[in-house]
Structure formats: C-alpha cells, structure tokens
Amino acid sequence: MSVGKRIAEARKNKGLSQSAFAELVGVSFSSQRRYEDGRSDPDTSYLDSLRKHGVDVEYVISGRAKQSTKGYDHETLAEFGLAIAKKYQIS
C-alpha cells in the first residue's frame, strides 16, 4: 500500500471527507487530494500535523505501526523528511 493510500485510510478512519481532513490538518483540498492519489509527497509540516491529530505517522510513511505510544518530536519528523527527500532525490 502506498503512502497516499495510507493517508486516505487514516482520513477514513476518522470519518472525514477529503475537504474536512484537509481543513483539519491545514492544507488545501487540492493538496490533500494530491497526497492521497500519489501525485505529491507530504512534507514534514503535513506529517507533523497528522501526528498532532492522532495519526500514526510511522505507519503512514513505512506501512509499519509505531511500537510505542509516544508522539514524534521534530527531530524524528525531520529524519522522515530527509528519508523522503533522499528517496525522491529532492534537494
């Protein structure tokens, strides 16, 4: 399953439409749609917002559920962002 599909899964688990979820996490509807359909990769601020709203960001990124109940700090999210940038060779 792709990152986009896991984002959509998280949204549906909260019972929200794309527009309601976009508003909740602070992005435009079109950005939310692009994340879900795989045309864009989420940045660290989006991932941080997901985390703040109770989404398991480790699962979204890797497909593996996090092992602890602790939230992610900014350093961990930065590492996720760097991994995404490296994967897609973004500078």
PDB file of N, CA and C in Angstrom:
ATOM      1  N   MET A   1       0.851  -1.175   0.000  1.00  0.00           N
ATOM      2  CA  MET A   1       0.000   0.000   0.000  1.00  0.00           C
ATOM      3  C   MET A   1       0.897   1.238   0.000  1.00  0.00           C
ATOM      4  N   SER A   2       0.536   2.243  -0.766  1.00  0.00           N
ATOM      5  CA  SER A   2       1.324   3.466  -0.895  1.00  0.00           C
ATOM      6  C   SER A   2       1.083   4.429   0.268  1.00  0.00           C
ATOM      7  N   VAL A   3       1.966   5.424   0.383  1.00  0.00           N
ATOM      8  CA  VAL A   3       1.805   6.471   1.394  1.00  0.00           C
ATOM      9  C   VAL A   3       0.448   7.147   1.214  1.00  0.00           C
ATOM     10  N   GLY A   4       0.105   7.473  -0.018  1.00  0.00           N
ATOM     11  CA  GLY A   4      -1.171   8.133  -0.293  1.00  0.00           C
ATOM     12  C   GLY A   4      -2.368   7.311   0.155  1.00  0.00           C
ATOM     13  N   LYS A   5      -2.313   6.027  -0.093  1.00  0.00           N
ATOM     14  CA  LYS A   5      -3.419   5.155   0.319  1.00  0.00           C
ATOM     15  C   LYS A   5      -3.507   5.071   1.841  1.00  0.00           C
ATOM     16  N   ARG A   6      -2.343   5.096   2.512  1.00  0.00           N
ATOM     17  CA  ARG A   6      -2.368   5.078   3.979  1.00  0.00           C
ATOM     18  C   ARG A   6      -2.882   6.397   4.548  1.00  0.00           C
ATOM     19  N   ILE A   7      -2.584   7.512   3.872  1.00  0.00           N
ATOM     20  CA  ILE A   7      -3.145   8.804   4.289  1.00  0.00           C
ATOM     21  C   ILE A   7      -4.660   8.762   4.150  1.00  0.00           C
ATOM     22  N   ALA A   8      -5.138   8.256   3.018  1.00  0.00           N
ATOM     23  CA  ALA A   8      -6.587   8.137   2.802  1.00  0.00           C
ATOM     24  C   ALA A   8      -7.215   7.230   3.853  1.00  0.00           C
ATOM     25  N   GLU A   9      -6.529   6.141   4.183  1.00  0.00           N
ATOM     26  CA  GLU A   9      -7.017   5.221   5.202  1.00  0.00           C
ATOM     27  C   GLU A   9      -7.141   5.936   6.552  1.00  0.00           C
ATOM     28  N   ALA A  10      -6.132   6.728   6.912  1.00  0.00           N
ATOM     29  CA  ALA A  10      -6.166   7.473   8.177  1.00  0.00           C
ATOM     30  C   ALA A  10      -7.332   8.451   8.195  1.00  0.00           C
ATOM     31  N   ARG A  11      -7.540   9.120   7.072  1.00  0.00           N
ATOM     32  CA  ARG A  11      -8.654  10.072   6.961  1.00  0.00           C
ATOM     33  C   ARG A  11      -9.989   9.357   7.129  1.00  0.00           C
ATOM     34  N   LYS A  12     -10.148   8.244   6.437  1.00  0.00           N
ATOM     35  CA  LYS A  12     -11.401   7.494   6.514  1.00  0.00           C
ATOM     36  C   LYS A  12     -11.636   6.937   7.909  1.00  0.00           C
ATOM     37  N   ASN A  13     -10.548   6.534   8.582  1.00  0.00           N
ATOM     38  CA  ASN A  13     -10.679   6.048   9.959  1.00  0.00           C
ATOM     39  C   ASN A  13     -11.218   7.128  10.890  1.00  0.00           C
ATOM     40  N   LYS A  14     -10.979   8.375  10.552  1.00  0.00           N
ATOM     41  CA  LYS A  14     -11.501   9.488  11.341  1.00  0.00           C
ATOM     42  C   LYS A  14     -12.895   9.894  10.878  1.00  0.00           C
ATOM     43  N   GLY A  15     -13.374   9.252   9.806  1.00  0.00           N
ATOM     44  CA  GLY A  15     -14.715   9.532   9.308  1.00  0.00           C
ATOM     45  C   GLY A  15     -14.857  10.886   8.641  1.00  0.00           C
ATOM     46  N   LEU A  16     -13.781  11.370   8.012  1.00  0.00           N
ATOM     47  CA  LEU A  16     -13.789  12.702   7.422  1.00  0.00           C
ATOM     48  C   LEU A  16     -13.681  12.653   5.905  1.00  0.00           C
ATOM     49  N   SER A  17     -14.285  13.637   5.267  1.00  0.00           N
ATOM     50  CA  SER A  17     -14.127  13.812   3.823  1.00  0.00           C
ATOM     51  C   SER A  17     -12.733  14.380   3.562  1.00  0.00           C
ATOM     52  N   GLN A  18     -12.314  14.373   2.301  1.00  0.00           N
ATOM     53  CA  GLN A  18     -11.020  14.961   1.969  1.00  0.00           C
ATOM     54  C   GLN A  18     -10.978  16.438   2.347  1.00  0.00           C
ATOM     55  N   SER A  19     -12.039  17.165   2.073  1.00  0.00           N
ATOM     56  CA  SER A  19     -12.028  18.599   2.380  1.00  0.00           C
ATOM     57  C   SER A  19     -12.010  18.845   3.888  1.00  0.00           C
ATOM     58  N   ALA A  20     -12.748  18.068   4.653  1.00  0.00           N
ATOM     59  CA  ALA A  20     -12.760  18.239   6.113  1.00  0.00           C
ATOM     60  C   ALA A  20     -11.403  17.865   6.705  1.00  0.00           C
ATOM     61  N   PHE A  21     -10.790  16.806   6.194  1.00  0.00           N
ATOM     62  CA  PHE A  21      -9.485  16.391   6.691  1.00  0.00           C
ATOM     63  C   PHE A  21      -8.427  17.424   6.325  1.00  0.00           C
ATOM     64  N   ALA A  22      -8.499  17.943   5.095  1.00  0.00           N
ATOM     65  CA  ALA A  22      -7.557  18.981   4.654  1.00  0.00           C
ATOM     66  C   ALA A  22      -7.629  20.188   5.585  1.00  0.00           C
ATOM     67  N   GLU A  23      -8.832  20.600   5.908  1.00  0.00           N
ATOM     68  CA  GLU A  23      -9.006  21.736   6.809  1.00  0.00           C
ATOM     69  C   GLU A  23      -8.443  21.419   8.199  1.00  0.00           C
ATOM     70  N   LEU A  24      -8.697  20.218   8.677  1.00  0.00           N
ATOM     71  CA  LEU A  24      -8.213  19.804   9.991  1.00  0.00           C
ATOM     72  C   LEU A  24      -6.689  19.890  10.080  1.00  0.00           C
ATOM     73  N   VAL A  25      -5.999  19.398   9.059  1.00  0.00           N
ATOM     74  CA  VAL A  25      -4.535  19.349   9.108  1.00  0.00           C
ATOM     75  C   VAL A  25      -3.866  20.566   8.479  1.00  0.00           C
ATOM     76  N   GLY A  26      -4.650  21.494   7.950  1.00  0.00           N
ATOM     77  CA  GLY A  26      -4.104  22.771   7.491  1.00  0.00           C
ATOM     78  C   GLY A  26      -3.541  22.814   6.092  1.00  0.00           C
ATOM     79  N   VAL A  27      -4.133  22.046   5.179  1.00  0.00           N
ATOM     80  CA  VAL A  27      -3.717  22.112   3.778  1.00  0.00           C
ATOM     81  C   VAL A  27      -4.946  22.362   2.909  1.00  0.00           C
ATOM     82  N   SER A  28      -4.714  22.686   1.659  1.00  0.00           N
ATOM     83  CA  SER A  28      -5.829  22.882   0.733  1.00  0.00           C
ATOM     84  C   SER A  28      -6.421  21.529   0.340  1.00  0.00           C
ATOM     85  N   PHE A  29      -7.644  21.565  -0.128  1.00  0.00           N
ATOM     86  CA  PHE A  29      -8.296  20.343  -0.616  1.00  0.00           C
ATOM     87  C   PHE A  29      -7.473  19.723  -1.739  1.00  0.00           C
ATOM     88  N   SER A  30      -6.968  20.560  -2.662  1.00  0.00           N
ATOM     89  CA  SER A  30      -6.204  20.016  -3.791  1.00  0.00           C
ATOM     90  C   SER A  30      -4.908  19.354  -3.318  1.00  0.00           C
ATOM     91  N   SER A  31      -4.251  19.916  -2.296  1.00  0.00           N
ATOM     92  CA  SER A  31      -3.048  19.275  -1.748  1.00  0.00           C
ATOM     93  C   SER A  31      -3.390  17.932  -1.139  1.00  0.00           C
ATOM     94  N   GLN A  32      -4.478  17.889  -0.369  1.00  0.00           N
ATOM     95  CA  GLN A  32      -4.906  16.629   0.246  1.00  0.00           C
ATOM     96  C   GLN A  32      -5.172  15.579  -0.822  1.00  0.00           C
ATOM     97  N   ARG A  33      -5.858  15.977  -1.868  1.00  0.00           N
ATOM     98  CA  ARG A  33      -6.177  15.051  -2.950  1.00  0.00           C
ATOM     99  C   ARG A  33      -4.902  14.548  -3.625  1.00  0.00           C
ATOM    100  N   ARG A  34      -3.934  15.454  -3.853  1.00  0.00           N
ATOM    101  CA  ARG A  34      -2.669  15.034  -4.486  1.00  0.00           C
ATOM    102  C   ARG A  34      -1.884  14.083  -3.588  1.00  0.00           C
ATOM    103  N   TYR A  35      -1.909  14.316  -2.270  1.00  0.00           N
ATOM    104  CA  TYR A  35      -1.229  13.400  -1.349  1.00  0.00           C
ATOM    105  C   TYR A  35      -1.868  12.013  -1.432  1.00  0.00           C
ATOM    106  N   GLU A  36      -3.186  11.985  -1.409  1.00  0.00           N
ATOM    107  CA  GLU A  36      -3.883  10.696  -1.411  1.00  0.00           C
ATOM    108  C   GLU A  36      -3.740   9.941  -2.722  1.00  0.00           C
ATOM    109  N   ASP A  37      -3.710  10.654  -3.837  1.00  0.00           N
ATOM    110  CA  ASP A  37      -3.609   9.923  -5.106  1.00  0.00           C
ATOM    111  C   ASP A  37      -2.167   9.718  -5.563  1.00  0.00           C
ATOM    112  N   GLY A  38      -1.205  10.155  -4.729  1.00  0.00           N
ATOM    113  CA  GLY A  38       0.200   9.870  -5.011  1.00  0.00           C
ATOM    114  C   GLY A  38       0.876  10.826  -5.964  1.00  0.00           C
ATOM    115  N   ARG A  39       0.217  11.920  -6.327  1.00  0.00           N
ATOM    116  CA  ARG A  39       0.852  12.884  -7.226  1.00  0.00           C
ATOM    117  C   ARG A  39       1.831  13.794  -6.492  1.00  0.00           C
ATOM    118  N   SER A  40       1.712  13.896  -5.174  1.00  0.00           N
ATOM    119  CA  SER A  40       2.623  14.687  -4.342  1.00  0.00           C
ATOM    120  C   SER A  40       2.961  13.902  -3.088  1.00  0.00           C
ATOM    121  N   ASP A  41       4.158  14.141  -2.585  1.00  0.00           N
ATOM    122  CA  ASP A  41       4.568  13.532  -1.316  1.00  0.00           C
ATOM    123  C   ASP A  41       4.401  14.557  -0.207  1.00  0.00           C
ATOM    124  N   PRO A  42       3.910  14.135   0.942  1.00  0.00           N
ATOM    125  CA  PRO A  42       3.718  15.062   2.057  1.00  0.00           C
ATOM    126  C   PRO A  42       5.053  15.550   2.604  1.00  0.00           C
ATOM    127  N   ASP A  43       5.070  16.817   3.056  1.00  0.00           N
ATOM    128  CA  ASP A  43       6.277  17.339   3.689  1.00  0.00           C
ATOM    129  C   ASP A  43       6.196  17.141   5.200  1.00  0.00           C
ATOM    130  N   THR A  44       7.258  17.514   5.893  1.00  0.00           N
ATOM    131  CA  THR A  44       7.315  17.259   7.333  1.00  0.00           C
ATOM    132  C   THR A  44       6.271  18.055   8.109  1.00  0.00           C
ATOM    133  N   SER A  45       5.912  19.247   7.643  1.00  0.00           N
ATOM    134  CA  SER A  45       4.891  20.010   8.375  1.00  0.00           C
ATOM    135  C   SER A  45       3.536  19.310   8.279  1.00  0.00           C
ATOM    136  N   TYR A  46       3.235  18.717   7.134  1.00  0.00           N
ATOM    137  CA  TYR A  46       1.994  17.960   6.978  1.00  0.00           C
ATOM    138  C   TYR A  46       2.016  16.730   7.893  1.00  0.00           C
ATOM    139  N   LEU A  47       3.144  16.022   7.895  1.00  0.00           N
ATOM    140  CA  LEU A  47       3.266  14.841   8.744  1.00  0.00           C
ATOM    141  C   LEU A  47       3.149  15.212  10.221  1.00  0.00           C
ATOM    142  N   ASP A  48       3.728  16.336  10.599  1.00  0.00           N
ATOM    143  CA  ASP A  48       3.622  16.794  11.987  1.00  0.00           C
ATOM    144  C   ASP A  48       2.172  17.099  12.336  1.00  0.00           C
ATOM    145  N   SER A  49       1.454  17.707  11.414  1.00  0.00           N
ATOM    146  CA  SER A  49       0.039  17.994  11.654  1.00  0.00           C
ATOM    147  C   SER A  49      -0.765  16.706  11.783  1.00  0.00           C
ATOM    148  N   LEU A  50      -0.460  15.709  10.959  1.00  0.00           N
ATOM    149  CA  LEU A  50      -1.128  14.413  11.094  1.00  0.00           C
ATOM    150  C   LEU A  50      -0.905  13.852  12.492  1.00  0.00           C
ATOM    151  N   ARG A  51       0.356  13.889  12.931  1.00  0.00           N
ATOM    152  CA  ARG A  51       0.699  13.364  14.250  1.00  0.00           C
ATOM    153  C   ARG A  51      -0.076  14.089  15.349  1.00  0.00           C
ATOM    154  N   LYS A  52      -0.155  15.408  15.232  1.00  0.00           N
ATOM    155  CA  LYS A  52      -0.863  16.206  16.235  1.00  0.00           C
ATOM    156  C   LYS A  52      -2.349  15.860  16.297  1.00  0.00           C
ATOM    157  N   HIS A  53      -2.859  15.292  15.217  1.00  0.00           N
ATOM    158  CA  HIS A  53      -4.276  14.909  15.171  1.00  0.00           C
ATOM    159  C   HIS A  53      -4.470  13.405  15.342  1.00  0.00           C
ATOM    160  N   GLY A  54      -3.456  12.750  15.913  1.00  0.00           N
ATOM    161  CA  GLY A  54      -3.608  11.361  16.303  1.00  0.00           C
ATOM    162  C   GLY A  54      -3.343  10.317  15.240  1.00  0.00           C
ATOM    163  N   VAL A  55      -2.732  10.711  14.126  1.00  0.00           N
ATOM    164  CA  VAL A  55      -2.429   9.745  13.063  1.00  0.00           C
ATOM    165  C   VAL A  55      -1.048   9.149  13.324  1.00  0.00           C
ATOM    166  N   ASP A  56      -0.909   7.860  13.145  1.00  0.00           N
ATOM    167  CA  ASP A  56       0.364   7.160  13.301  1.00  0.00           C
ATOM    168  C   ASP A  56       1.221   7.452  12.062  1.00  0.00           C
ATOM    169  N   VAL A  57       2.105   8.429  12.183  1.00  0.00           N
ATOM    170  CA  VAL A  57       2.922   8.868  11.054  1.00  0.00           C
ATOM    171  C   VAL A  57       3.891   7.781  10.603  1.00  0.00           C
ATOM    172  N   GLU A  58       4.403   7.000  11.535  1.00  0.00           N
ATOM    173  CA  GLU A  58       5.299   5.910  11.151  1.00  0.00           C
ATOM    174  C   GLU A  58       4.572   4.943  10.214  1.00  0.00           C
ATOM    175  N   TYR A  59       3.329   4.647  10.519  1.00  0.00           N
ATOM    176  CA  TYR A  59       2.545   3.767   9.650  1.00  0.00           C
ATOM    177  C   TYR A  59       2.323   4.422   8.283  1.00  0.00           C
ATOM    178  N   VAL A  60       1.988   5.704   8.277  1.00  0.00           N
ATOM    179  CA  VAL A  60       1.754   6.399   7.007  1.00  0.00           C
ATOM    180  C   VAL A  60       2.990   6.314   6.114  1.00  0.00           C
ATOM    181  N   ILE A  61       4.161   6.546   6.692  1.00  0.00           N
ATOM    182  CA  ILE A  61       5.396   6.564   5.909  1.00  0.00           C
ATOM    183  C   ILE A  61       5.882   5.165   5.535  1.00  0.00           C
ATOM    184  N   SER A  62       5.870   4.261   6.495  1.00  0.00           N
ATOM    185  CA  SER A  62       6.531   2.965   6.273  1.00  0.00           C
ATOM    186  C   SER A  62       5.597   1.787   6.086  1.00  0.00           C
ATOM    187  N   GLY A  63       4.346   1.934   6.521  1.00  0.00           N
ATOM    188  CA  GLY A  63       3.442   0.799   6.491  1.00  0.00           C
ATOM    189  C   GLY A  63       3.540  -0.049   7.746  1.00  0.00           C
ATOM    190  N   ARG A  64       4.422   0.343   8.680  1.00  0.00           N
ATOM    191  CA  ARG A  64       4.572  -0.365   9.954  1.00  0.00           C
ATOM    192  C   ARG A  64       4.053   0.525  11.073  1.00  0.00           C
ATOM    193  N   ALA A  65       3.228  -0.027  11.926  1.00  0.00           N
ATOM    194  CA  ALA A  65       2.687   0.735  13.057  1.00  0.00           C
ATOM    195  C   ALA A  65       3.792   1.022  14.055  1.00  0.00           C
ATOM    196  N   LYS A  66       3.709   2.184  14.688  1.00  0.00           N
ATOM    197  CA  LYS A  66       4.731   2.526  15.683  1.00  0.00           C
ATOM    198  C   LYS A  66       4.621   1.588  16.873  1.00  0.00           C
ATOM    199  N   GLN A  67       5.735   1.396  17.527  1.00  0.00           N
ATOM    200  CA  GLN A  67       5.809   0.432  18.612  1.00  0.00           C
ATOM    201  C   GLN A  67       5.477   1.015  19.970  1.00  0.00           C
ATOM    202  N   SER A  68       5.542   2.335  20.091  1.00  0.00           N
ATOM    203  CA  SER A  68       5.251   2.934  21.388  1.00  0.00           C
ATOM    204  C   SER A  68       4.084   3.895  21.251  1.00  0.00           C
ATOM    205  N   THR A  69       3.612   4.370  22.374  1.00  0.00           N
ATOM    206  CA  THR A  69       2.506   5.322  22.355  1.00  0.00           C
ATOM    207  C   THR A  69       3.002   6.755  22.401  1.00  0.00           C
ATOM    208  N   LYS A  70       4.323   6.951  22.432  1.00  0.00           N
ATOM    209  CA  LYS A  70       4.871   8.295  22.447  1.00  0.00           C
ATOM    210  C   LYS A  70       4.692   8.943  21.081  1.00  0.00           C
ATOM    211  N   GLY A  71       4.522  10.254  21.083  1.00  0.00           N
ATOM    212  CA  GLY A  71       4.439  11.005  19.838  1.00  0.00           C
ATOM    213  C   GLY A  71       5.821  11.208  19.240  1.00  0.00           C
ATOM    214  N   TYR A  72       5.867  11.805  18.089  1.00  0.00           N
ATOM    215  CA  TYR A  72       7.119  12.066  17.412  1.00  0.00           C
ATOM    216  C   TYR A  72       7.552  13.491  17.668  1.00  0.00           C
ATOM    217  N   ASP A  73       8.855  13.664  17.900  1.00  0.00           N
ATOM    218  CA  ASP A  73       9.371  15.008  18.063  1.00  0.00           C
ATOM    219  C   ASP A  73       9.796  15.543  16.701  1.00  0.00           C
ATOM    220  N   HIS A  74      10.180  16.803  16.673  1.00  0.00           N
ATOM    221  CA  HIS A  74      10.550  17.431  15.403  1.00  0.00           C
ATOM    222  C   HIS A  74      11.781  16.790  14.774  1.00  0.00           C
ATOM    223  N   GLU A  75      12.702  16.289  15.598  1.00  0.00           N
ATOM    224  CA  GLU A  75      13.893  15.633  15.065  1.00  0.00           C
ATOM    225  C   GLU A  75      13.514  14.366  14.299  1.00  0.00           C
ATOM    226  N   THR A  76      12.602  13.580  14.838  1.00  0.00           N
ATOM    227  CA  THR A  76      12.156  12.366  14.167  1.00  0.00           C
ATOM    228  C   THR A  76      11.453  12.701  12.860  1.00  0.00           C
ATOM    229  N   LEU A  77      10.597  13.731  12.893  1.00  0.00           N
ATOM    230  CA  LEU A  77       9.914  14.134  11.666  1.00  0.00           C
ATOM    231  C   LEU A  77      10.903  14.650  10.629  1.00  0.00           C
ATOM    232  N   ALA A  78      11.940  15.343  11.075  1.00  0.00           N
ATOM    233  CA  ALA A  78      12.968  15.812  10.143  1.00  0.00           C
ATOM    234  C   ALA A  78      13.653  14.619   9.482  1.00  0.00           C
ATOM    235  N   GLU A  79      13.904  13.560  10.256  1.00  0.00           N
ATOM    236  CA  GLU A  79      14.506  12.348   9.695  1.00  0.00           C
ATOM    237  C   GLU A  79      13.589  11.726   8.644  1.00  0.00           C
ATOM    238  N   PHE A  80      12.276  11.710   8.902  1.00  0.00           N
ATOM    239  CA  PHE A  80      11.326  11.205   7.904  1.00  0.00           C
ATOM    240  C   PHE A  80      11.407  12.055   6.640  1.00  0.00           C
ATOM    241  N   GLY A  81      11.439  13.366   6.827  1.00  0.00           N
ATOM    242  CA  GLY A  81      11.523  14.275   5.681  1.00  0.00           C
ATOM    243  C   GLY A  81      12.778  14.047   4.868  1.00  0.00           C
ATOM    244  N   LEU A  82      13.904  13.861   5.544  1.00  0.00           N
ATOM    245  CA  LEU A  82      15.160  13.598   4.839  1.00  0.00           C
ATOM    246  C   LEU A  82      15.106  12.273   4.090  1.00  0.00           C
ATOM    247  N   ALA A  83      14.473  11.275   4.690  1.00  0.00           N
ATOM    248  CA  ALA A  83      14.346   9.984   4.016  1.00  0.00           C
ATOM    249  C   ALA A  83      13.504  10.119   2.749  1.00  0.00           C
ATOM    250  N   ILE A  84      12.424  10.892   2.823  1.00  0.00           N
ATOM    251  CA  ILE A  84      11.591  11.121   1.644  1.00  0.00           C
ATOM    252  C   ILE A  84      12.373  11.871   0.592  1.00  0.00           C
ATOM    253  N   ALA A  85      13.086  12.936   1.012  1.00  0.00           N
ATOM    254  CA  ALA A  85      13.872  13.729   0.072  1.00  0.00           C
ATOM    255  C   ALA A  85      14.928  12.868  -0.607  1.00  0.00           C
ATOM    256  N   LYS A  86      15.591  12.009   0.175  1.00  0.00           N
ATOM    257  CA  LYS A  86      16.619  11.140  -0.398  1.00  0.00           C
ATOM    258  C   LYS A  86      15.996  10.156  -1.390  1.00  0.00           C
ATOM    259  N   LYS A  87      14.860   9.582  -1.017  1.00  0.00           N
ATOM    260  CA  LYS A  87      14.203   8.606  -1.890  1.00  0.00           C
ATOM    261  C   LYS A  87      13.857   9.219  -3.246  1.00  0.00           C
ATOM    262  N   TYR A  88      13.370  10.454  -3.204  1.00  0.00           N
ATOM    263  CA  TYR A  88      12.936  11.112  -4.435  1.00  0.00           C
ATOM    264  C   TYR A  88      13.955  12.114  -4.957  1.00  0.00           C
ATOM    265  N   GLN A  89      15.147  12.121  -4.364  1.00  0.00           N
ATOM    266  CA  GLN A  89      16.256  12.983  -4.760  1.00  0.00           C
ATOM    267  C   GLN A  89      15.824  14.438  -4.846  1.00  0.00           C
ATOM    268  N   ILE A  90      15.210  14.904  -3.767  1.00  0.00           N
ATOM    269  CA  ILE A  90      14.771  16.291  -3.668  1.00  0.00           C
ATOM    270  C   ILE A  90      15.841  17.054  -2.896  1.00  0.00           C
ATOM    271  N   SER A  91      16.233  18.222  -3.413  1.00  0.00           N
ATOM    272  CA  SER A  91      17.232  18.996  -2.680  1.00  0.00           C
ATOM    273  C   SER A  91      16.613  20.089  -1.871  1.00  0.00           C
TER     274      SER A  91
END
